[in-house]
Protein backbone atom coordinates (compact mmCIF):
# COMPACT_ATOMS: atom_id res chain seq x y z
CA MET A 1 -0.49 8.50 43.88
CA ASN A 2 -2.96 11.10 42.72
CA VAL A 3 -4.02 12.20 46.26
CA THR A 4 -0.66 11.94 47.59
CA ARG A 5 0.67 14.53 44.77
CA ARG A 6 -2.30 17.08 45.47
CA LEU A 7 -1.53 17.07 49.39
CA GLY A 8 1.99 17.38 48.61
CA HIS A 9 1.19 20.40 45.88
CA PHE A 10 -1.40 21.86 48.87
CA TRP A 11 1.46 21.90 51.52
CA ARG A 12 3.87 23.37 49.21
CA ALA A 13 1.32 26.14 48.20
CA PHE A 14 0.20 26.79 51.30
CA TRP A 15 4.02 27.15 52.64
CA ARG A 16 4.73 29.23 49.87
CA ARG A 17 1.92 31.84 50.57
CA SER A 18 2.44 32.03 54.38
CA ARG A 19 6.13 32.72 54.18
CA LEU A 20 6.88 34.65 50.90
CA VAL A 21 6.08 38.57 49.70
CA ASN A 22 7.23 38.27 45.96
CA LYS A 23 8.75 35.17 45.83
CA GLU A 24 11.10 36.54 49.03
CA PRO A 25 11.21 35.32 52.10
CA LEU A 26 10.16 37.31 54.89
CA ASN A 27 12.78 38.65 57.02
CA ARG A 28 13.24 37.76 60.71
CA VAL A 29 11.48 40.99 62.20
CA SER A 30 8.60 40.76 59.77
CA LEU A 31 7.83 37.15 60.54
CA ILE A 32 7.70 38.01 63.93
CA VAL A 33 5.19 40.85 63.59
CA ILE A 34 3.26 38.26 61.12
CA ILE A 35 3.49 35.66 64.28
CA LEU A 36 2.04 38.25 66.51
CA VAL A 37 -0.30 40.05 64.62
CA ASP A 38 -1.72 36.13 63.89
CA ILE A 39 -1.22 35.35 67.52
CA PHE A 40 -3.60 38.46 68.48
CA ILE A 41 -5.96 37.80 65.66
CA LEU A 42 -6.76 34.15 66.85
CA ILE A 43 -7.35 34.84 70.10
CA ASN A 44 -10.09 37.87 69.43
CA VAL A 45 -11.61 34.98 67.11
CA PHE A 46 -11.86 32.39 69.89
CA SER A 47 -13.12 34.94 71.82
CA GLY A 48 -16.01 36.20 69.58
CA LEU A 49 -16.74 32.64 69.28
CA SER A 50 -17.19 31.71 72.67
CA GLU A 51 -19.45 35.20 72.99
CA ILE A 52 -21.81 34.11 70.36
CA SER A 53 -22.00 30.28 71.52
CA ASN A 54 -23.62 31.72 74.59
CA TRP A 55 -25.56 33.47 72.67
CA PRO A 56 -28.50 30.79 72.47
CA LEU A 57 -30.30 29.78 75.82
CA SER A 58 -28.39 26.53 76.79
CA PRO A 59 -30.59 23.33 77.83
CA SER A 60 -29.98 24.32 81.27
CA GLN A 61 -31.12 27.51 80.64
CA ALA A 62 -34.08 27.20 78.64
CA GLN A 63 -35.49 24.14 80.88
CA PRO A 64 -34.05 25.21 84.56
CA CYS A 65 -36.91 23.38 86.16
CA TYR A 66 -35.76 20.31 84.99
CA ALA A 67 -32.37 19.01 87.27
CA PRO A 68 -34.26 19.89 90.25
CA TRP A 69 -37.79 18.28 89.18
CA TYR A 70 -36.16 15.20 88.08
CA ALA A 71 -34.01 14.89 91.41
CA TYR A 72 -37.43 15.08 93.31
CA ARG A 73 -38.85 12.48 90.99
CA GLN A 74 -35.72 10.21 91.39
CA ASP A 75 -35.46 10.56 95.49
CA LYS A 76 -37.22 7.56 96.69
CA GLY A 77 -36.58 8.89 100.90
CA SER A 78 -39.85 9.05 102.86
CA ASP A 79 -39.20 13.00 103.49
CA ARG A 80 -38.21 13.72 99.65
CA ALA A 81 -40.97 16.20 100.31
CA MET A 82 -40.09 18.49 102.91
CA ARG A 83 -36.23 18.26 101.95
CA PHE A 84 -37.22 19.32 98.35
CA LEU A 85 -39.33 22.33 99.82
CA GLU A 86 -36.47 23.07 101.98
CA GLN A 87 -33.71 23.27 99.11
CA GLN A 88 -36.25 25.64 97.02
CA MET A 89 -36.63 27.76 99.90
CA THR A 90 -33.19 28.06 100.77
CA LEU A 91 -32.01 28.67 97.04
CA GLU A 92 -34.56 31.35 97.60
CA GLN A 93 -32.14 34.42 98.80
CA SER A 94 -32.44 37.14 96.50
CA PRO A 95 -34.79 40.21 96.62
CA GLN A 96 -35.83 39.26 92.84
CA SER A 97 -38.59 36.75 92.77
CA TYR A 98 -37.95 33.29 90.91
CA VAL A 99 -39.93 34.63 88.02
CA GLU A 100 -38.12 37.75 87.99
CA ARG A 101 -34.61 35.64 87.83
CA LEU A 102 -35.93 33.56 84.77
CA GLU A 103 -37.17 36.64 82.88
CA GLU A 104 -33.64 38.30 83.50
CA SER A 105 -31.76 35.61 82.79
CA ALA A 106 -33.68 35.60 78.91
CA LYS A 107 -33.01 38.99 78.48
CA GLY A 108 -30.43 39.17 75.16
CA LYS A 109 -30.80 35.85 74.74
CA LEU A 110 -31.61 33.64 71.69
CA GLY A 111 -34.91 31.41 72.36
CA THR A 112 -37.17 31.14 75.24
CA ILE A 113 -37.51 29.48 78.70
CA SER A 114 -40.33 26.63 79.00
CA SER A 115 -43.67 27.98 80.06
CA LEU A 116 -43.38 25.07 82.27
CA CYS A 117 -40.92 26.53 84.50
CA PHE A 118 -42.40 29.84 84.71
CA THR A 119 -45.74 27.76 86.13
CA TYR A 120 -42.76 26.20 88.38
CA ALA A 121 -41.20 29.47 89.29
CA GLU A 122 -45.00 30.55 90.43
CA TYR A 123 -45.72 27.65 92.80
CA GLN A 124 -41.80 28.25 94.39
CA ASP A 125 -42.32 31.81 94.82
CA ALA A 126 -45.97 31.01 96.42
CA VAL A 127 -44.51 28.50 98.97
CA ASN A 128 -41.28 30.80 99.42
CA ARG A 129 -43.41 33.35 102.24
CA PRO A 130 -41.88 34.93 105.20
CA THR A 131 -44.29 32.75 107.32
CA ASN A 132 -42.22 29.72 105.65
CA GLN A 133 -38.78 31.08 105.96
CA GLN A 134 -39.64 31.88 109.62
CA ARG A 135 -40.30 28.10 110.16
CA LEU A 136 -37.60 26.66 108.16
CA GLN A 137 -35.13 29.22 110.33
CA GLN A 138 -36.71 27.57 113.53
CA ARG A 139 -35.94 24.24 112.29
CA GLN A 140 -32.56 24.61 111.16
CA GLN A 141 -32.24 26.53 114.81
CA LYS A 142 -33.56 23.35 116.45
CA GLN A 143 -31.58 20.78 114.33
CA ALA A 144 -28.33 22.86 115.17
CA GLN A 145 -29.34 21.96 118.60
CA ILE A 146 -30.08 18.83 118.75
CA GLN A 147 -26.43 18.27 116.95
CA THR A 148 -24.82 20.22 120.06
CA LEU A 149 -26.68 18.03 122.40
CA GLU A 150 -25.83 14.70 120.59
CA ALA A 151 -21.91 15.59 120.73
CA THR A 152 -22.29 16.56 124.24
CA ASN A 153 -23.64 12.81 124.87
CA ALA A 154 -21.09 11.48 122.70
CA ARG A 155 -18.50 12.93 124.93
CA ILE A 156 -20.20 12.14 128.23
CA ARG A 157 -20.80 8.54 127.05
CA GLN A 158 -16.93 8.16 126.18
CA GLU A 159 -16.27 9.79 129.77
CA TYR A 160 -19.14 7.42 131.43
CA ASP A 161 -17.52 4.30 130.50
CA SER A 162 -14.14 5.24 131.62
CA THR A 163 -15.74 6.02 134.80
CA LEU A 164 -17.73 2.59 135.20
CA LEU A 165 -14.09 1.07 134.44
CA GLU A 166 -12.55 3.06 137.37
CA GLN A 167 -15.15 2.23 139.87
CA LEU A 168 -15.23 -1.11 138.88
CA ALA A 169 -11.27 -1.39 139.61
CA GLY A 170 -12.11 0.16 142.94
CA GLN A 171 -10.32 3.31 142.35
CA PRO A 172 -11.40 6.33 144.69
CA PRO A 173 -13.60 9.13 143.45
CA ASP A 174 -11.54 11.91 144.34
CA GLN A 175 -8.55 10.17 142.06
CA SER A 176 -10.88 9.64 138.66
CA ILE A 177 -9.45 11.26 136.19
CA ASN A 178 -13.22 12.11 134.70
CA LEU A 179 -14.83 15.56 135.82
CA VAL A 180 -18.11 13.85 135.38
CA GLU A 181 -18.96 10.99 137.82
CA ALA A 182 -21.14 8.17 136.56
CA ALA A 183 -24.66 9.30 138.37
CA LYS A 184 -24.41 12.90 137.28
CA ALA A 185 -23.20 11.46 133.45
CA LYS A 186 -26.53 9.26 133.48
CA ALA A 187 -28.51 11.96 134.84
CA THR A 188 -27.35 14.59 132.26
CA LEU A 189 -27.33 11.76 129.32
CA GLU A 190 -30.93 11.05 130.34
CA ALA A 191 -31.72 14.85 130.37
CA ASN A 192 -30.52 15.48 127.02
CA ASP A 193 -32.18 12.97 125.38
CA ARG A 194 -35.68 14.26 126.59
CA GLN A 195 -34.34 17.70 125.56
CA ILE A 196 -33.52 15.87 121.76
CA ALA A 197 -37.05 14.29 121.75
CA ALA A 198 -38.95 17.52 122.87
CA LEU A 199 -36.98 19.43 119.69
CA LYS A 200 -37.61 16.32 117.12
CA ASN A 201 -41.11 16.89 118.04
CA GLU A 202 -40.79 20.40 117.06
CA ILE A 203 -39.03 20.01 114.11
CA ALA A 204 -41.85 17.32 113.23
CA THR A 205 -44.73 20.28 114.17
CA LEU A 206 -42.71 22.85 112.24
CA GLU A 207 -41.99 20.53 109.01
CA GLN A 208 -46.12 19.58 109.02
CA ALA A 209 -46.97 23.43 108.91
CA ILE A 210 -45.01 23.43 105.91
CA LEU A 211 -46.06 20.51 104.26
CA GLN A 212 -49.89 21.80 105.37
CA GLU A 213 -50.03 24.84 103.39
CA PRO A 214 -51.88 24.88 100.54
CA ASP A 215 -49.43 26.60 98.32
CA SER A 216 -46.87 23.57 99.44
CA GLN A 217 -49.57 20.80 98.43
CA ALA A 218 -50.32 22.67 95.21
CA PHE A 219 -46.73 22.76 94.42
CA LEU A 220 -46.39 18.68 95.05
CA ASN A 221 -49.06 17.93 93.31
CA PHE A 222 -47.47 19.89 90.41
CA LEU A 223 -44.49 17.85 90.65
CA GLU A 224 -46.32 14.54 90.96
CA ASP A 225 -47.93 15.30 87.51
CA THR A 226 -46.24 12.78 84.91
CA THR A 227 -47.74 14.36 81.98
CA LYS A 228 -46.27 17.50 82.27
CA PHE A 229 -42.81 16.18 83.36
CA ALA A 230 -42.96 13.93 80.10
CA GLN A 231 -43.66 17.29 77.96
CA LEU A 232 -40.70 19.13 80.10
CA GLU A 233 -38.16 16.11 79.25
CA GLY A 234 -39.04 16.00 75.91
CA GLU A 235 -38.25 19.93 75.33
CA TYR A 236 -35.26 19.08 77.43
CA ARG A 237 -34.51 16.17 75.25
CA HIS A 238 -34.98 18.35 71.90
CA SER A 239 -32.78 21.40 73.15
CA GLN A 240 -29.93 18.78 73.91
CA PHE A 241 -29.90 17.58 70.46
CA TRP A 242 -30.21 20.64 68.84
CA TYR A 243 -28.27 23.33 71.10
CA PRO A 244 -24.67 22.33 69.54
CA SER A 245 -25.77 22.26 65.97
CA LEU A 246 -27.03 25.79 66.75
CA GLN A 247 -24.04 27.05 68.18
CA PHE A 248 -22.22 25.96 64.82
CA ILE A 249 -24.60 27.61 62.74
CA LEU A 250 -23.86 30.74 64.68
CA GLN A 251 -20.40 30.68 64.82
CA ALA A 252 -20.21 29.83 61.19
CA LEU A 253 -22.34 32.81 60.60
CA PHE A 254 -19.38 34.68 62.66
CA LEU A 255 -16.76 33.25 60.25
CA LEU A 256 -17.89 33.42 57.26
CA PRO A 257 -17.70 36.98 56.51
CA LEU A 258 -14.11 37.12 57.79
CA ILE A 259 -13.44 34.33 55.52
CA GLY A 260 -15.22 36.15 52.37
CA ILE A 261 -13.53 39.42 53.31
CA ALA A 262 -10.11 38.13 53.46
CA LEU A 263 -10.55 35.97 50.59
CA TRP A 264 -11.53 38.92 48.52
CA VAL A 265 -8.74 40.91 49.72
CA TYR A 266 -6.16 38.15 48.98
CA ARG A 267 -7.32 37.44 45.21
CA PHE A 268 -7.33 41.23 44.85
CA ALA A 269 -4.22 41.45 46.10
CA ASP A 270 -2.70 38.45 44.36
CA ARG A 271 -4.21 39.60 40.99
CA ARG A 272 -2.57 43.24 41.70
CA ARG A 273 0.69 41.80 42.78
CA TYR A 274 0.52 43.54 46.05
CA GLY A 275 2.85 41.09 47.68
CA LEU A 276 2.72 42.18 51.29
CA LEU A 277 -1.02 42.75 51.09
CA ALA A 278 -1.33 39.14 49.90
CA LEU A 279 0.47 37.46 52.76
CA MET A 280 -1.16 39.57 55.50
CA SER A 281 -4.78 38.57 53.68
CA TRP A 282 -3.45 34.99 53.13
CA HIS A 283 -3.10 34.61 56.86
CA LEU A 284 -5.79 35.98 57.72
CA LEU A 285 -7.64 33.65 55.69
CA VAL A 286 -6.11 30.89 57.28
CA ILE A 287 -6.67 31.94 60.96
CA PHE A 288 -10.57 32.28 60.18
CA PHE A 289 -10.12 28.52 58.90
CA ILE A 290 -8.67 27.16 61.58
CA PRO A 291 -11.58 27.46 64.12
CA LEU A 292 -14.07 26.70 61.65
CA VAL A 293 -12.48 23.34 60.63
CA LEU A 294 -12.55 23.00 64.79
CA LYS A 295 -15.92 23.76 64.77
CA ILE A 296 -16.54 21.30 62.36
CA PHE A 297 -15.05 18.48 64.07
CA GLU A 298 -16.48 19.46 67.37
CA LEU A 299 -19.81 19.11 65.66
CA LEU A 300 -18.96 15.97 64.26
CA GLN A 301 -18.13 14.69 67.67
CA VAL A 302 -21.38 16.34 70.20
CA GLY A 303 -23.85 17.88 67.30
CA ALA A 304 -27.25 16.34 65.99
CA LEU A 305 -25.40 14.23 63.46
CA PHE A 306 -23.18 12.21 66.54
CA LYS A 307 -26.26 11.83 68.58
CA TRP A 308 -28.46 10.14 65.24
CA LEU A 309 -25.29 7.94 64.72
CA SER A 310 -25.52 6.95 68.57
CA ASN A 311 -29.31 6.56 68.29
CA TRP A 312 -29.46 4.58 65.18
CA ILE A 313 -26.37 2.33 66.67
CA LEU A 314 -28.42 1.86 69.39
CA ALA A 315 -31.86 0.36 67.89
CA LEU A 316 -29.76 -1.32 65.88
CA PHE A 317 -26.88 -3.04 67.79
CA GLY A 318 -28.00 -2.48 71.54
CA GLY A 319 -25.27 -1.12 73.71
CA LEU A 320 -22.46 -0.96 70.93
CA LEU A 321 -21.48 2.40 71.07
CA PHE A 322 -18.10 1.76 70.06
CA LEU A 323 -19.43 1.04 66.74
CA VAL A 324 -19.47 5.18 66.45
CA SER A 325 -15.97 5.33 66.49
CA TYR A 326 -15.80 3.16 63.94
CA VAL A 327 -18.11 5.33 61.71
CA TYR A 328 -16.19 8.20 62.67
CA ILE A 329 -12.70 6.62 61.84
CA LEU A 330 -14.16 6.44 58.30
CA LEU A 331 -16.47 9.87 58.12
CA ILE A 332 -13.68 12.39 59.31
CA PRO A 333 -10.72 11.81 57.05
CA ALA A 334 -13.62 11.84 54.06
CA VAL A 335 -14.81 15.24 55.58
CA GLY A 336 -11.01 16.32 55.89
CA PHE A 337 -10.22 15.31 52.09
CA GLY A 338 -13.55 17.35 51.12
CA ILE A 339 -12.05 20.30 52.95
CA ILE A 340 -9.25 20.00 51.30
CA LYS A 341 -10.57 19.55 47.97
CA VAL A 342 -12.43 22.86 48.67
CA GLY A 343 -9.34 24.64 49.84
CA GLN A 344 -7.70 23.53 46.39
CA ALA A 345 -10.34 24.68 44.52
CA LEU A 346 -10.97 28.21 46.11
CA PHE A 347 -7.46 29.39 46.66
CA LEU A 348 -4.82 27.22 45.43
CA ASN A 349 -6.29 26.20 42.14
CA PRO A 350 -3.33 26.29 39.45
CA GLN A 351 -5.76 26.06 36.64
CA ARG A 352 -7.92 29.53 38.00
CA GLN A 353 -4.24 31.48 38.20
CA ALA A 354 -2.84 30.30 35.37
CA ALA A 355 -5.66 31.69 33.28
CA GLY A 356 -5.54 35.31 34.67
CA ARG A 357 -1.70 35.16 34.67
CA ILE A 358 -1.44 34.31 30.67
CA GLN A 359 -4.23 36.45 29.75
CA LYS A 360 -1.45 39.27 31.23
CA GLN A 361 1.45 37.64 29.66
CA ARG A 362 2.75 36.69 32.76
CA CYS A 363 4.71 33.67 34.04
CA VAL A 364 1.85 30.90 35.40
CA GLN A 365 4.45 30.16 38.21
CA CYS A 366 6.14 33.67 39.41
CA ALA A 367 3.68 36.12 37.60
CA LYS A 368 6.62 38.16 36.48
CA ARG A 369 5.84 39.66 32.84
CA LEU A 370 7.23 37.83 29.52
CA ARG A 371 8.26 38.42 26.11
CA GLU A 372 5.52 36.46 23.58
CA LEU A 373 7.75 33.70 22.67
CA ASP A 374 9.43 33.21 26.01
CA GLN A 375 9.19 29.26 26.96
CA TYR A 376 11.06 29.57 29.89
CA CYS A 377 10.32 32.11 32.63
CA PRO A 378 13.70 34.43 32.43
CA HIS A 379 12.80 34.83 36.29
CA CYS A 380 11.89 31.69 38.10
CA GLY A 381 13.30 29.15 34.95
CA TYR A 382 9.36 27.88 34.80
CA LEU A 383 8.25 25.95 31.74
CA GLN A 384 5.25 27.50 30.51
CA TRP A 385 4.36 24.86 27.93
CA LEU A 386 3.67 21.40 27.50
CA PRO A 387 2.92 19.03 24.76
CA CYS A 388 -0.50 18.31 24.13
CA PRO A 389 -1.68 14.56 23.83
CA ASN A 390 -3.54 14.97 21.31
CA CYS A 391 -1.75 17.12 18.94
CA GLN A 392 1.84 17.40 20.22
CA GLN A 393 1.51 21.06 19.59
CA PRO A 394 2.42 23.26 22.73
CA THR A 395 -0.05 24.50 24.60
CA TYR A 396 -0.43 26.35 28.10
CA ARG A 397 0.71 24.76 31.39
CA HIS A 398 -2.57 24.31 34.04
CA LEU A 399 -5.28 25.29 31.34
CA PRO A 400 -7.53 22.18 30.37
CA TYR A 401 -7.55 22.31 27.07
CA CYS A 402 -5.11 22.25 23.99
CA ARG A 403 -5.14 25.57 22.54
CA HIS A 404 -4.48 24.20 18.56
CA CYS A 405 -6.84 21.37 18.98
CA GLY A 406 -9.07 21.61 21.94
CA ALA A 407 -8.29 18.31 23.21
CA LEU A 408 -8.56 18.09 26.84
CA VAL A 409 -5.00 18.56 28.62
CA HIS A 410 -4.69 17.34 32.12
CA SER A 411 -3.44 19.87 34.31
CA ASN A 412 -1.39 18.19 36.46
CA SER A 413 0.98 16.97 33.58
CA LYS A 414 4.58 18.05 33.78
CA ALA A 415 7.21 18.53 30.96
């Protein structure tokens, strides 16, 4: 029940601060303006968070050569070397070298690109020279010719099979529905097959010329180095593990000054009774807290804690990863309760608010000025006193200790 009362008090106080100015509700025009301002600021806050999240290098940016290198090592085909070199040279369609593009991509970013990927880029630039590009273009042209000849052969075979059926049926040649007669079709097919075989031999010669280049051999030997690949994979896994946490830290550093300023303005306006300023600063405080809370829960789903829990579950229970969901079902409500407690202590603390109002002889509920002996506020009707459980003398509500005997008084007691 205590938790329920606290949540209820939190919600009522939150709603009161979000829609009242000096205890009076906002008119519709003002409410619409407040909502539009909230939406505009919230959009800009998320825009800023998006920008700052792109500041650190992502794993694919810090280790850009990991994906193609991993794909090459996973490929078990006999022609994987030529297929890989062709892919790398096809990607190199830029006036800048690969090394220059890597250096350019790291400018203005937080973090550094792996030195192994710079070595990878140097090998790739060496392979991508005009001679090999010319051979690759010739190879692609010959492959296109082969595709054309094979398509022609397929069409001729279809017509050729139909012509044989007509001849078997005794149909005269001048009544054939095909343009190519059987004998001519057979000769064309044989000529095309010889041309295809010759083109394939020429392609094989071009591929061998590319593969036998010293730069190509050096690149392929580098890719086969298991130790270097293991080092790069370790760097990539490390980046994957910490990247979400680094993003959250930067986003929190972006939000915390905004939250601090909004909190200071709200407290200042609340003490001075600047109702509209207090309302605006309260809305800003809520707006700045919304993305922070969302980012906290996002971090719990993909950050270092989630990775650590997943590894721990795998180590203890094998493939039972669904147990992570059980842990989170228990953890996330606890985190939410903690956030509410912090919010209650910082922004909605009756003791802290009442202490300042009592010192200024104001109502602890509405902050309007009181006479010295007023038990009830003449403005809102709120009772200012409650009996001390120790001495039964009247003492201030919401303050922790009795003004007569000094005994502890429950701040949530009600008369």
